[in-house]
Amino acid sequence: QVQLVESGGGLVQAGGSLRLSCAASGRTLNNRACAWFRQALGKEREFVAAINWDGGRTSYADSVKGRFTISRDNAKNTLYLQMNSLKPEDAAIYYCAVRSLYLREFATDQSAYRNWGRGTQVTVSS
C-alpha cells in the first residue's frame, strides 16, 4: 500500500505561485502513473494534471494548461505540482493520487487511481 502525504499548500495572492509536493512511502512511485485532483468548496473533485510513470507524458485540465506543471522524481518518491499565475478559482483542496503498480499510463478519471493523499489546502486571495 502506498501512503501519500501532500504539502506546500497555503494562502497566496492572485498571480502568485505555489509548489505542491506529494511524498510517497510504503511502496515506490516508480512504474505507476500519478495525478493531481482538486475539490473546491461545494463542488465535485476534478482532474487537474497527470503524468505517466517516467515523466515522459503529461496531461492537464484546460483550466490550468500553461500555468501548472506536473513533475515527478522517482528517486525521491515524490510528485510535484508547480502552480503559477494562480487565480481565485484555483482555490481548493489538492489531492495527489497514484495508480496501481505497473499501470504506467495516466488517466483523467479519478476512479483509475487506487491510492490518495488527504489533501492540502490552497487559498488564493483576489
N, C-alpha and C. Protein backbone atom coordinates (compact mmCIF):
# COMPACT_ATOMS: atom_id res chain seq x y z
N GLN A 1 0.84 -1.19 0.00
CA GLN A 1 0.00 0.00 0.00
C GLN A 1 0.88 1.25 0.00
N VAL A 2 0.55 2.19 -0.83
CA VAL A 2 1.29 3.45 -0.90
C VAL A 2 0.60 4.48 -0.01
N GLN A 3 1.38 5.08 0.86
CA GLN A 3 0.87 6.20 1.65
C GLN A 3 1.35 7.49 1.01
N LEU A 4 0.44 8.44 0.87
CA LEU A 4 0.74 9.71 0.19
C LEU A 4 0.46 10.87 1.14
N VAL A 5 1.40 11.79 1.19
CA VAL A 5 1.24 12.97 2.03
C VAL A 5 1.56 14.22 1.20
N GLU A 6 0.55 15.06 1.03
CA GLU A 6 0.73 16.31 0.29
C GLU A 6 1.23 17.41 1.22
N SER A 7 1.94 18.35 0.63
CA SER A 7 2.39 19.53 1.37
C SER A 7 2.59 20.67 0.38
N GLY A 8 2.77 21.87 0.93
CA GLY A 8 3.05 23.02 0.08
C GLY A 8 1.88 23.94 -0.15
N GLY A 9 0.72 23.56 0.34
CA GLY A 9 -0.43 24.44 0.18
C GLY A 9 -0.33 25.64 1.10
N GLY A 10 -1.24 26.58 0.91
CA GLY A 10 -1.24 27.77 1.74
C GLY A 10 -2.05 28.89 1.12
N LEU A 11 -1.85 30.08 1.65
CA LEU A 11 -2.54 31.27 1.17
C LEU A 11 -1.60 32.07 0.26
N VAL A 12 -2.09 32.42 -0.90
CA VAL A 12 -1.28 33.18 -1.85
C VAL A 12 -2.17 34.21 -2.54
N GLN A 13 -1.59 35.32 -2.93
CA GLN A 13 -2.35 36.32 -3.67
C GLN A 13 -2.52 35.89 -5.11
N ALA A 14 -3.57 36.37 -5.72
CA ALA A 14 -3.78 36.10 -7.14
C ALA A 14 -2.56 36.55 -7.94
N GLY A 15 -2.15 35.69 -8.86
CA GLY A 15 -0.94 35.96 -9.63
C GLY A 15 0.30 35.32 -9.06
N GLY A 16 0.20 34.83 -7.85
CA GLY A 16 1.33 34.21 -7.19
C GLY A 16 1.53 32.76 -7.57
N SER A 17 2.48 32.14 -6.90
CA SER A 17 2.85 30.75 -7.21
C SER A 17 2.94 29.91 -5.94
N LEU A 18 2.70 28.64 -6.12
CA LEU A 18 2.91 27.64 -5.07
C LEU A 18 3.44 26.38 -5.72
N ARG A 19 4.19 25.61 -4.94
CA ARG A 19 4.65 24.31 -5.42
C ARG A 19 4.18 23.26 -4.43
N LEU A 20 3.32 22.39 -4.89
CA LEU A 20 2.83 21.30 -4.07
C LEU A 20 3.75 20.10 -4.23
N SER A 21 3.91 19.36 -3.15
CA SER A 21 4.65 18.11 -3.17
C SER A 21 3.78 17.00 -2.64
N CYS A 22 4.05 15.80 -3.10
CA CYS A 22 3.35 14.62 -2.63
C CYS A 22 4.39 13.55 -2.39
N ALA A 23 4.66 13.28 -1.13
CA ALA A 23 5.67 12.30 -0.76
C ALA A 23 5.02 10.94 -0.56
N ALA A 24 5.60 9.94 -1.18
CA ALA A 24 5.07 8.58 -1.08
C ALA A 24 5.94 7.75 -0.16
N SER A 25 5.30 6.86 0.57
CA SER A 25 6.03 5.91 1.42
C SER A 25 5.31 4.57 1.36
N GLY A 26 6.01 3.55 1.81
CA GLY A 26 5.41 2.23 1.83
C GLY A 26 5.66 1.44 0.56
N ARG A 27 5.51 2.09 -0.56
CA ARG A 27 5.78 1.47 -1.86
C ARG A 27 6.35 2.54 -2.78
N THR A 28 7.01 2.09 -3.83
CA THR A 28 7.61 3.03 -4.76
C THR A 28 6.56 3.66 -5.67
N LEU A 29 6.85 4.90 -6.09
CA LEU A 29 6.00 5.54 -7.09
C LEU A 29 6.39 5.10 -8.50
N ASN A 30 7.57 4.52 -8.61
CA ASN A 30 8.05 4.09 -9.92
C ASN A 30 7.09 3.06 -10.52
N ASN A 31 6.97 3.10 -11.82
CA ASN A 31 6.08 2.18 -12.53
C ASN A 31 4.60 2.42 -12.25
N ARG A 32 4.29 3.60 -11.79
CA ARG A 32 2.89 3.98 -11.59
C ARG A 32 2.64 5.36 -12.18
N ALA A 33 1.53 5.52 -12.85
CA ALA A 33 1.11 6.86 -13.25
C ALA A 33 0.55 7.58 -12.02
N CYS A 34 0.66 8.91 -12.04
CA CYS A 34 0.23 9.72 -10.91
C CYS A 34 -0.59 10.92 -11.42
N ALA A 35 -1.30 11.53 -10.50
CA ALA A 35 -2.12 12.67 -10.90
C ALA A 35 -2.40 13.58 -9.71
N TRP A 36 -2.85 14.77 -10.05
CA TRP A 36 -3.38 15.72 -9.06
C TRP A 36 -4.84 15.99 -9.41
N PHE A 37 -5.65 16.02 -8.37
CA PHE A 37 -7.05 16.41 -8.48
C PHE A 37 -7.29 17.51 -7.46
N ARG A 38 -8.41 18.19 -7.61
CA ARG A 38 -8.74 19.23 -6.63
C ARG A 38 -10.24 19.27 -6.40
N GLN A 39 -10.60 19.75 -5.23
CA GLN A 39 -12.02 19.88 -4.89
C GLN A 39 -12.24 21.22 -4.22
N ALA A 40 -12.97 22.08 -4.89
CA ALA A 40 -13.33 23.37 -4.32
C ALA A 40 -14.56 23.22 -3.44
N LEU A 41 -14.75 24.16 -2.57
CA LEU A 41 -15.87 24.12 -1.63
C LEU A 41 -17.19 24.07 -2.40
N GLY A 42 -17.99 23.07 -2.09
CA GLY A 42 -19.29 22.95 -2.72
C GLY A 42 -19.28 22.36 -4.12
N LYS A 43 -18.12 21.92 -4.57
CA LYS A 43 -18.01 21.36 -5.91
C LYS A 43 -17.46 19.93 -5.85
N GLU A 44 -17.61 19.22 -6.96
CA GLU A 44 -17.08 17.88 -7.03
C GLU A 44 -15.58 17.93 -7.31
N ARG A 45 -14.92 16.84 -6.93
CA ARG A 45 -13.49 16.74 -7.20
C ARG A 45 -13.26 16.66 -8.71
N GLU A 46 -12.22 17.35 -9.17
CA GLU A 46 -11.96 17.41 -10.60
C GLU A 46 -10.49 17.15 -10.90
N PHE A 47 -10.25 16.68 -12.11
CA PHE A 47 -8.91 16.41 -12.58
C PHE A 47 -8.15 17.71 -12.79
N VAL A 48 -6.86 17.70 -12.42
CA VAL A 48 -6.00 18.85 -12.63
C VAL A 48 -4.87 18.52 -13.61
N ALA A 49 -4.09 17.48 -13.28
CA ALA A 49 -2.95 17.12 -14.11
C ALA A 49 -2.56 15.69 -13.84
N ALA A 50 -1.92 15.06 -14.82
CA ALA A 50 -1.47 13.69 -14.67
C ALA A 50 -0.13 13.50 -15.38
N ILE A 51 0.58 12.46 -14.96
CA ILE A 51 1.91 12.20 -15.52
C ILE A 51 2.11 10.70 -15.59
N ASN A 52 2.77 10.24 -16.66
CA ASN A 52 2.99 8.81 -16.76
C ASN A 52 4.17 8.41 -15.89
N TRP A 53 4.52 7.14 -15.91
CA TRP A 53 5.42 6.60 -14.91
C TRP A 53 6.83 7.20 -14.92
N ASP A 54 7.30 7.61 -16.09
CA ASP A 54 8.67 8.14 -16.16
C ASP A 54 8.70 9.64 -16.44
N GLY A 55 7.55 10.27 -16.41
CA GLY A 55 7.52 11.71 -16.64
C GLY A 55 7.54 12.12 -18.09
N GLY A 56 7.50 11.16 -18.99
CA GLY A 56 7.61 11.48 -20.40
C GLY A 56 6.36 12.04 -21.02
N ARG A 57 5.24 11.79 -20.40
CA ARG A 57 3.96 12.30 -20.91
C ARG A 57 3.15 12.90 -19.78
N THR A 58 2.49 14.01 -20.10
CA THR A 58 1.65 14.69 -19.12
C THR A 58 0.34 15.11 -19.76
N SER A 59 -0.63 15.41 -18.90
CA SER A 59 -1.92 15.90 -19.36
C SER A 59 -2.43 16.91 -18.35
N TYR A 60 -3.14 17.93 -18.85
CA TYR A 60 -3.64 18.99 -17.97
C TYR A 60 -5.09 19.30 -18.29
N ALA A 61 -5.81 19.70 -17.25
CA ALA A 61 -7.13 20.26 -17.47
C ALA A 61 -6.98 21.58 -18.22
N ASP A 62 -7.94 21.90 -19.05
CA ASP A 62 -7.86 23.14 -19.83
C ASP A 62 -7.72 24.35 -18.92
N SER A 63 -8.34 24.30 -17.76
CA SER A 63 -8.35 25.45 -16.86
C SER A 63 -6.98 25.78 -16.28
N VAL A 64 -6.05 24.82 -16.32
CA VAL A 64 -4.73 25.06 -15.73
C VAL A 64 -3.60 24.99 -16.76
N LYS A 65 -3.92 24.63 -17.97
CA LYS A 65 -2.91 24.46 -19.01
C LYS A 65 -2.15 25.76 -19.21
N GLY A 66 -0.83 25.66 -19.24
CA GLY A 66 0.02 26.83 -19.41
C GLY A 66 0.39 27.52 -18.11
N ARG A 67 -0.27 27.14 -17.02
CA ARG A 67 0.02 27.76 -15.72
C ARG A 67 0.58 26.75 -14.72
N PHE A 68 0.12 25.51 -14.80
CA PHE A 68 0.55 24.46 -13.87
C PHE A 68 1.48 23.49 -14.59
N THR A 69 2.42 22.93 -13.82
CA THR A 69 3.32 21.92 -14.35
C THR A 69 3.42 20.76 -13.36
N ILE A 70 3.13 19.57 -13.84
CA ILE A 70 3.27 18.37 -13.02
C ILE A 70 4.62 17.74 -13.34
N SER A 71 5.26 17.23 -12.30
CA SER A 71 6.55 16.55 -12.49
C SER A 71 6.71 15.51 -11.40
N ARG A 72 7.74 14.69 -11.55
CA ARG A 72 7.97 13.65 -10.56
C ARG A 72 9.45 13.37 -10.45
N ASP A 73 9.85 12.90 -9.29
CA ASP A 73 11.22 12.46 -9.05
C ASP A 73 11.11 11.06 -8.45
N ASN A 74 11.27 10.06 -9.28
CA ASN A 74 11.09 8.68 -8.79
C ASN A 74 12.16 8.30 -7.78
N ALA A 75 13.33 8.88 -7.90
CA ALA A 75 14.39 8.58 -6.93
C ALA A 75 14.02 9.09 -5.54
N LYS A 76 13.28 10.18 -5.51
CA LYS A 76 12.84 10.74 -4.22
C LYS A 76 11.44 10.30 -3.85
N ASN A 77 10.83 9.50 -4.73
CA ASN A 77 9.47 9.01 -4.46
C ASN A 77 8.50 10.16 -4.23
N THR A 78 8.61 11.19 -5.04
CA THR A 78 7.83 12.40 -4.83
C THR A 78 7.23 12.92 -6.13
N LEU A 79 6.02 13.40 -6.02
CA LEU A 79 5.28 14.01 -7.12
C LEU A 79 5.15 15.50 -6.82
N TYR A 80 5.17 16.34 -7.87
CA TYR A 80 5.10 17.79 -7.67
C TYR A 80 4.03 18.41 -8.56
N LEU A 81 3.57 19.57 -8.11
CA LEU A 81 2.70 20.39 -8.95
C LEU A 81 3.13 21.84 -8.76
N GLN A 82 3.75 22.40 -9.78
CA GLN A 82 4.11 23.81 -9.76
C GLN A 82 2.94 24.61 -10.30
N MET A 83 2.47 25.55 -9.50
CA MET A 83 1.29 26.33 -9.86
C MET A 83 1.69 27.80 -9.96
N ASN A 84 1.58 28.35 -11.13
CA ASN A 84 1.92 29.76 -11.37
C ASN A 84 0.67 30.52 -11.79
N SER A 85 0.75 31.83 -11.71
CA SER A 85 -0.36 32.71 -12.12
C SER A 85 -1.67 32.24 -11.51
N LEU A 86 -1.65 32.00 -10.22
CA LEU A 86 -2.83 31.47 -9.54
C LEU A 86 -3.99 32.45 -9.59
N LYS A 87 -5.18 31.89 -9.70
CA LYS A 87 -6.42 32.65 -9.75
C LYS A 87 -7.29 32.27 -8.57
N PRO A 88 -8.20 33.13 -8.17
CA PRO A 88 -9.11 32.77 -7.07
C PRO A 88 -9.86 31.46 -7.33
N GLU A 89 -10.17 31.19 -8.57
CA GLU A 89 -10.90 29.95 -8.89
C GLU A 89 -10.03 28.70 -8.77
N ASP A 90 -8.73 28.86 -8.52
CA ASP A 90 -7.87 27.70 -8.27
C ASP A 90 -7.92 27.25 -6.81
N ALA A 91 -8.57 28.03 -5.96
CA ALA A 91 -8.66 27.68 -4.55
C ALA A 91 -9.41 26.37 -4.38
N ALA A 92 -8.81 25.45 -3.64
CA ALA A 92 -9.39 24.12 -3.47
C ALA A 92 -8.49 23.31 -2.55
N ILE A 93 -8.97 22.14 -2.20
CA ILE A 93 -8.09 21.15 -1.59
C ILE A 93 -7.50 20.33 -2.74
N TYR A 94 -6.20 20.20 -2.75
CA TYR A 94 -5.50 19.48 -3.82
C TYR A 94 -5.07 18.12 -3.30
N TYR A 95 -5.39 17.10 -4.08
CA TYR A 95 -5.08 15.72 -3.73
C TYR A 95 -4.14 15.11 -4.76
N CYS A 96 -3.16 14.34 -4.29
CA CYS A 96 -2.39 13.53 -5.22
C CYS A 96 -2.95 12.12 -5.20
N ALA A 97 -2.76 11.44 -6.31
CA ALA A 97 -3.29 10.09 -6.47
C ALA A 97 -2.36 9.27 -7.35
N VAL A 98 -2.28 7.98 -7.06
CA VAL A 98 -1.42 7.10 -7.86
C VAL A 98 -2.21 5.87 -8.30
N ARG A 99 -1.79 5.33 -9.42
CA ARG A 99 -2.42 4.11 -9.93
C ARG A 99 -1.72 2.90 -9.32
N SER A 100 -2.28 1.75 -9.55
CA SER A 100 -1.69 0.52 -9.06
C SER A 100 -0.36 0.27 -9.78
N LEU A 101 0.47 -0.56 -9.13
CA LEU A 101 1.78 -0.88 -9.68
C LEU A 101 1.65 -1.45 -11.09
N TYR A 102 2.52 -0.93 -11.99
CA TYR A 102 2.62 -1.33 -13.40
C TYR A 102 1.52 -0.74 -14.27
N LEU A 103 0.64 0.06 -13.70
CA LEU A 103 -0.27 0.86 -14.53
C LEU A 103 0.46 2.17 -14.79
N ARG A 104 1.25 2.17 -15.86
CA ARG A 104 2.22 3.22 -16.11
C ARG A 104 1.65 4.43 -16.83
N GLU A 105 0.53 4.26 -17.49
CA GLU A 105 -0.05 5.38 -18.25
C GLU A 105 -1.16 6.03 -17.43
N PHE A 106 -1.30 7.32 -17.59
CA PHE A 106 -2.25 8.05 -16.76
C PHE A 106 -3.67 7.99 -17.32
N ALA A 107 -4.59 8.39 -16.47
CA ALA A 107 -5.98 8.55 -16.84
C ALA A 107 -6.46 9.85 -16.21
N THR A 108 -7.55 10.38 -16.72
CA THR A 108 -8.09 11.61 -16.14
C THR A 108 -9.29 11.33 -15.23
N ASP A 109 -9.73 10.09 -15.22
CA ASP A 109 -10.86 9.69 -14.39
C ASP A 109 -10.34 9.28 -13.01
N GLN A 110 -10.88 9.85 -11.98
CA GLN A 110 -10.36 9.57 -10.63
C GLN A 110 -10.57 8.11 -10.23
N SER A 111 -11.49 7.42 -10.85
CA SER A 111 -11.71 6.01 -10.50
C SER A 111 -10.53 5.14 -10.91
N ALA A 112 -9.65 5.65 -11.77
CA ALA A 112 -8.48 4.89 -12.22
C ALA A 112 -7.37 4.87 -11.18
N TYR A 113 -7.49 5.67 -10.15
CA TYR A 113 -6.43 5.84 -9.17
C TYR A 113 -6.76 5.11 -7.88
N ARG A 114 -5.78 4.38 -7.41
CA ARG A 114 -6.01 3.49 -6.28
C ARG A 114 -5.73 4.14 -4.93
N ASN A 115 -4.67 4.92 -4.86
CA ASN A 115 -4.24 5.48 -3.59
C ASN A 115 -4.31 7.00 -3.64
N TRP A 116 -4.76 7.57 -2.53
CA TRP A 116 -4.97 9.01 -2.45
C TRP A 116 -4.36 9.58 -1.17
N GLY A 117 -3.87 10.80 -1.28
CA GLY A 117 -3.47 11.52 -0.09
C GLY A 117 -4.67 12.20 0.56
N ARG A 118 -4.42 12.86 1.68
CA ARG A 118 -5.50 13.53 2.40
C ARG A 118 -5.73 14.95 1.92
N GLY A 119 -4.84 15.45 1.12
CA GLY A 119 -5.04 16.76 0.52
C GLY A 119 -4.31 17.88 1.23
N THR A 120 -4.11 18.96 0.49
CA THR A 120 -3.52 20.17 1.03
C THR A 120 -4.33 21.36 0.52
N GLN A 121 -4.62 22.28 1.40
CA GLN A 121 -5.49 23.40 1.07
C GLN A 121 -4.72 24.50 0.35
N VAL A 122 -5.28 24.97 -0.74
CA VAL A 122 -4.75 26.13 -1.46
C VAL A 122 -5.81 27.22 -1.45
N THR A 123 -5.43 28.38 -0.96
CA THR A 123 -6.33 29.52 -0.90
C THR A 123 -5.71 30.66 -1.69
N VAL A 124 -6.49 31.27 -2.56
CA VAL A 124 -6.00 32.35 -3.42
C VAL A 124 -6.84 33.59 -3.16
N SER A 125 -6.20 34.63 -2.70
CA SER A 125 -6.92 35.88 -2.42
C SER A 125 -6.88 36.79 -3.64
N SER A 126 -7.96 37.50 -3.85
CA SER A 126 -8.04 38.39 -5.02
C SER A 126 -7.55 39.78 -4.69
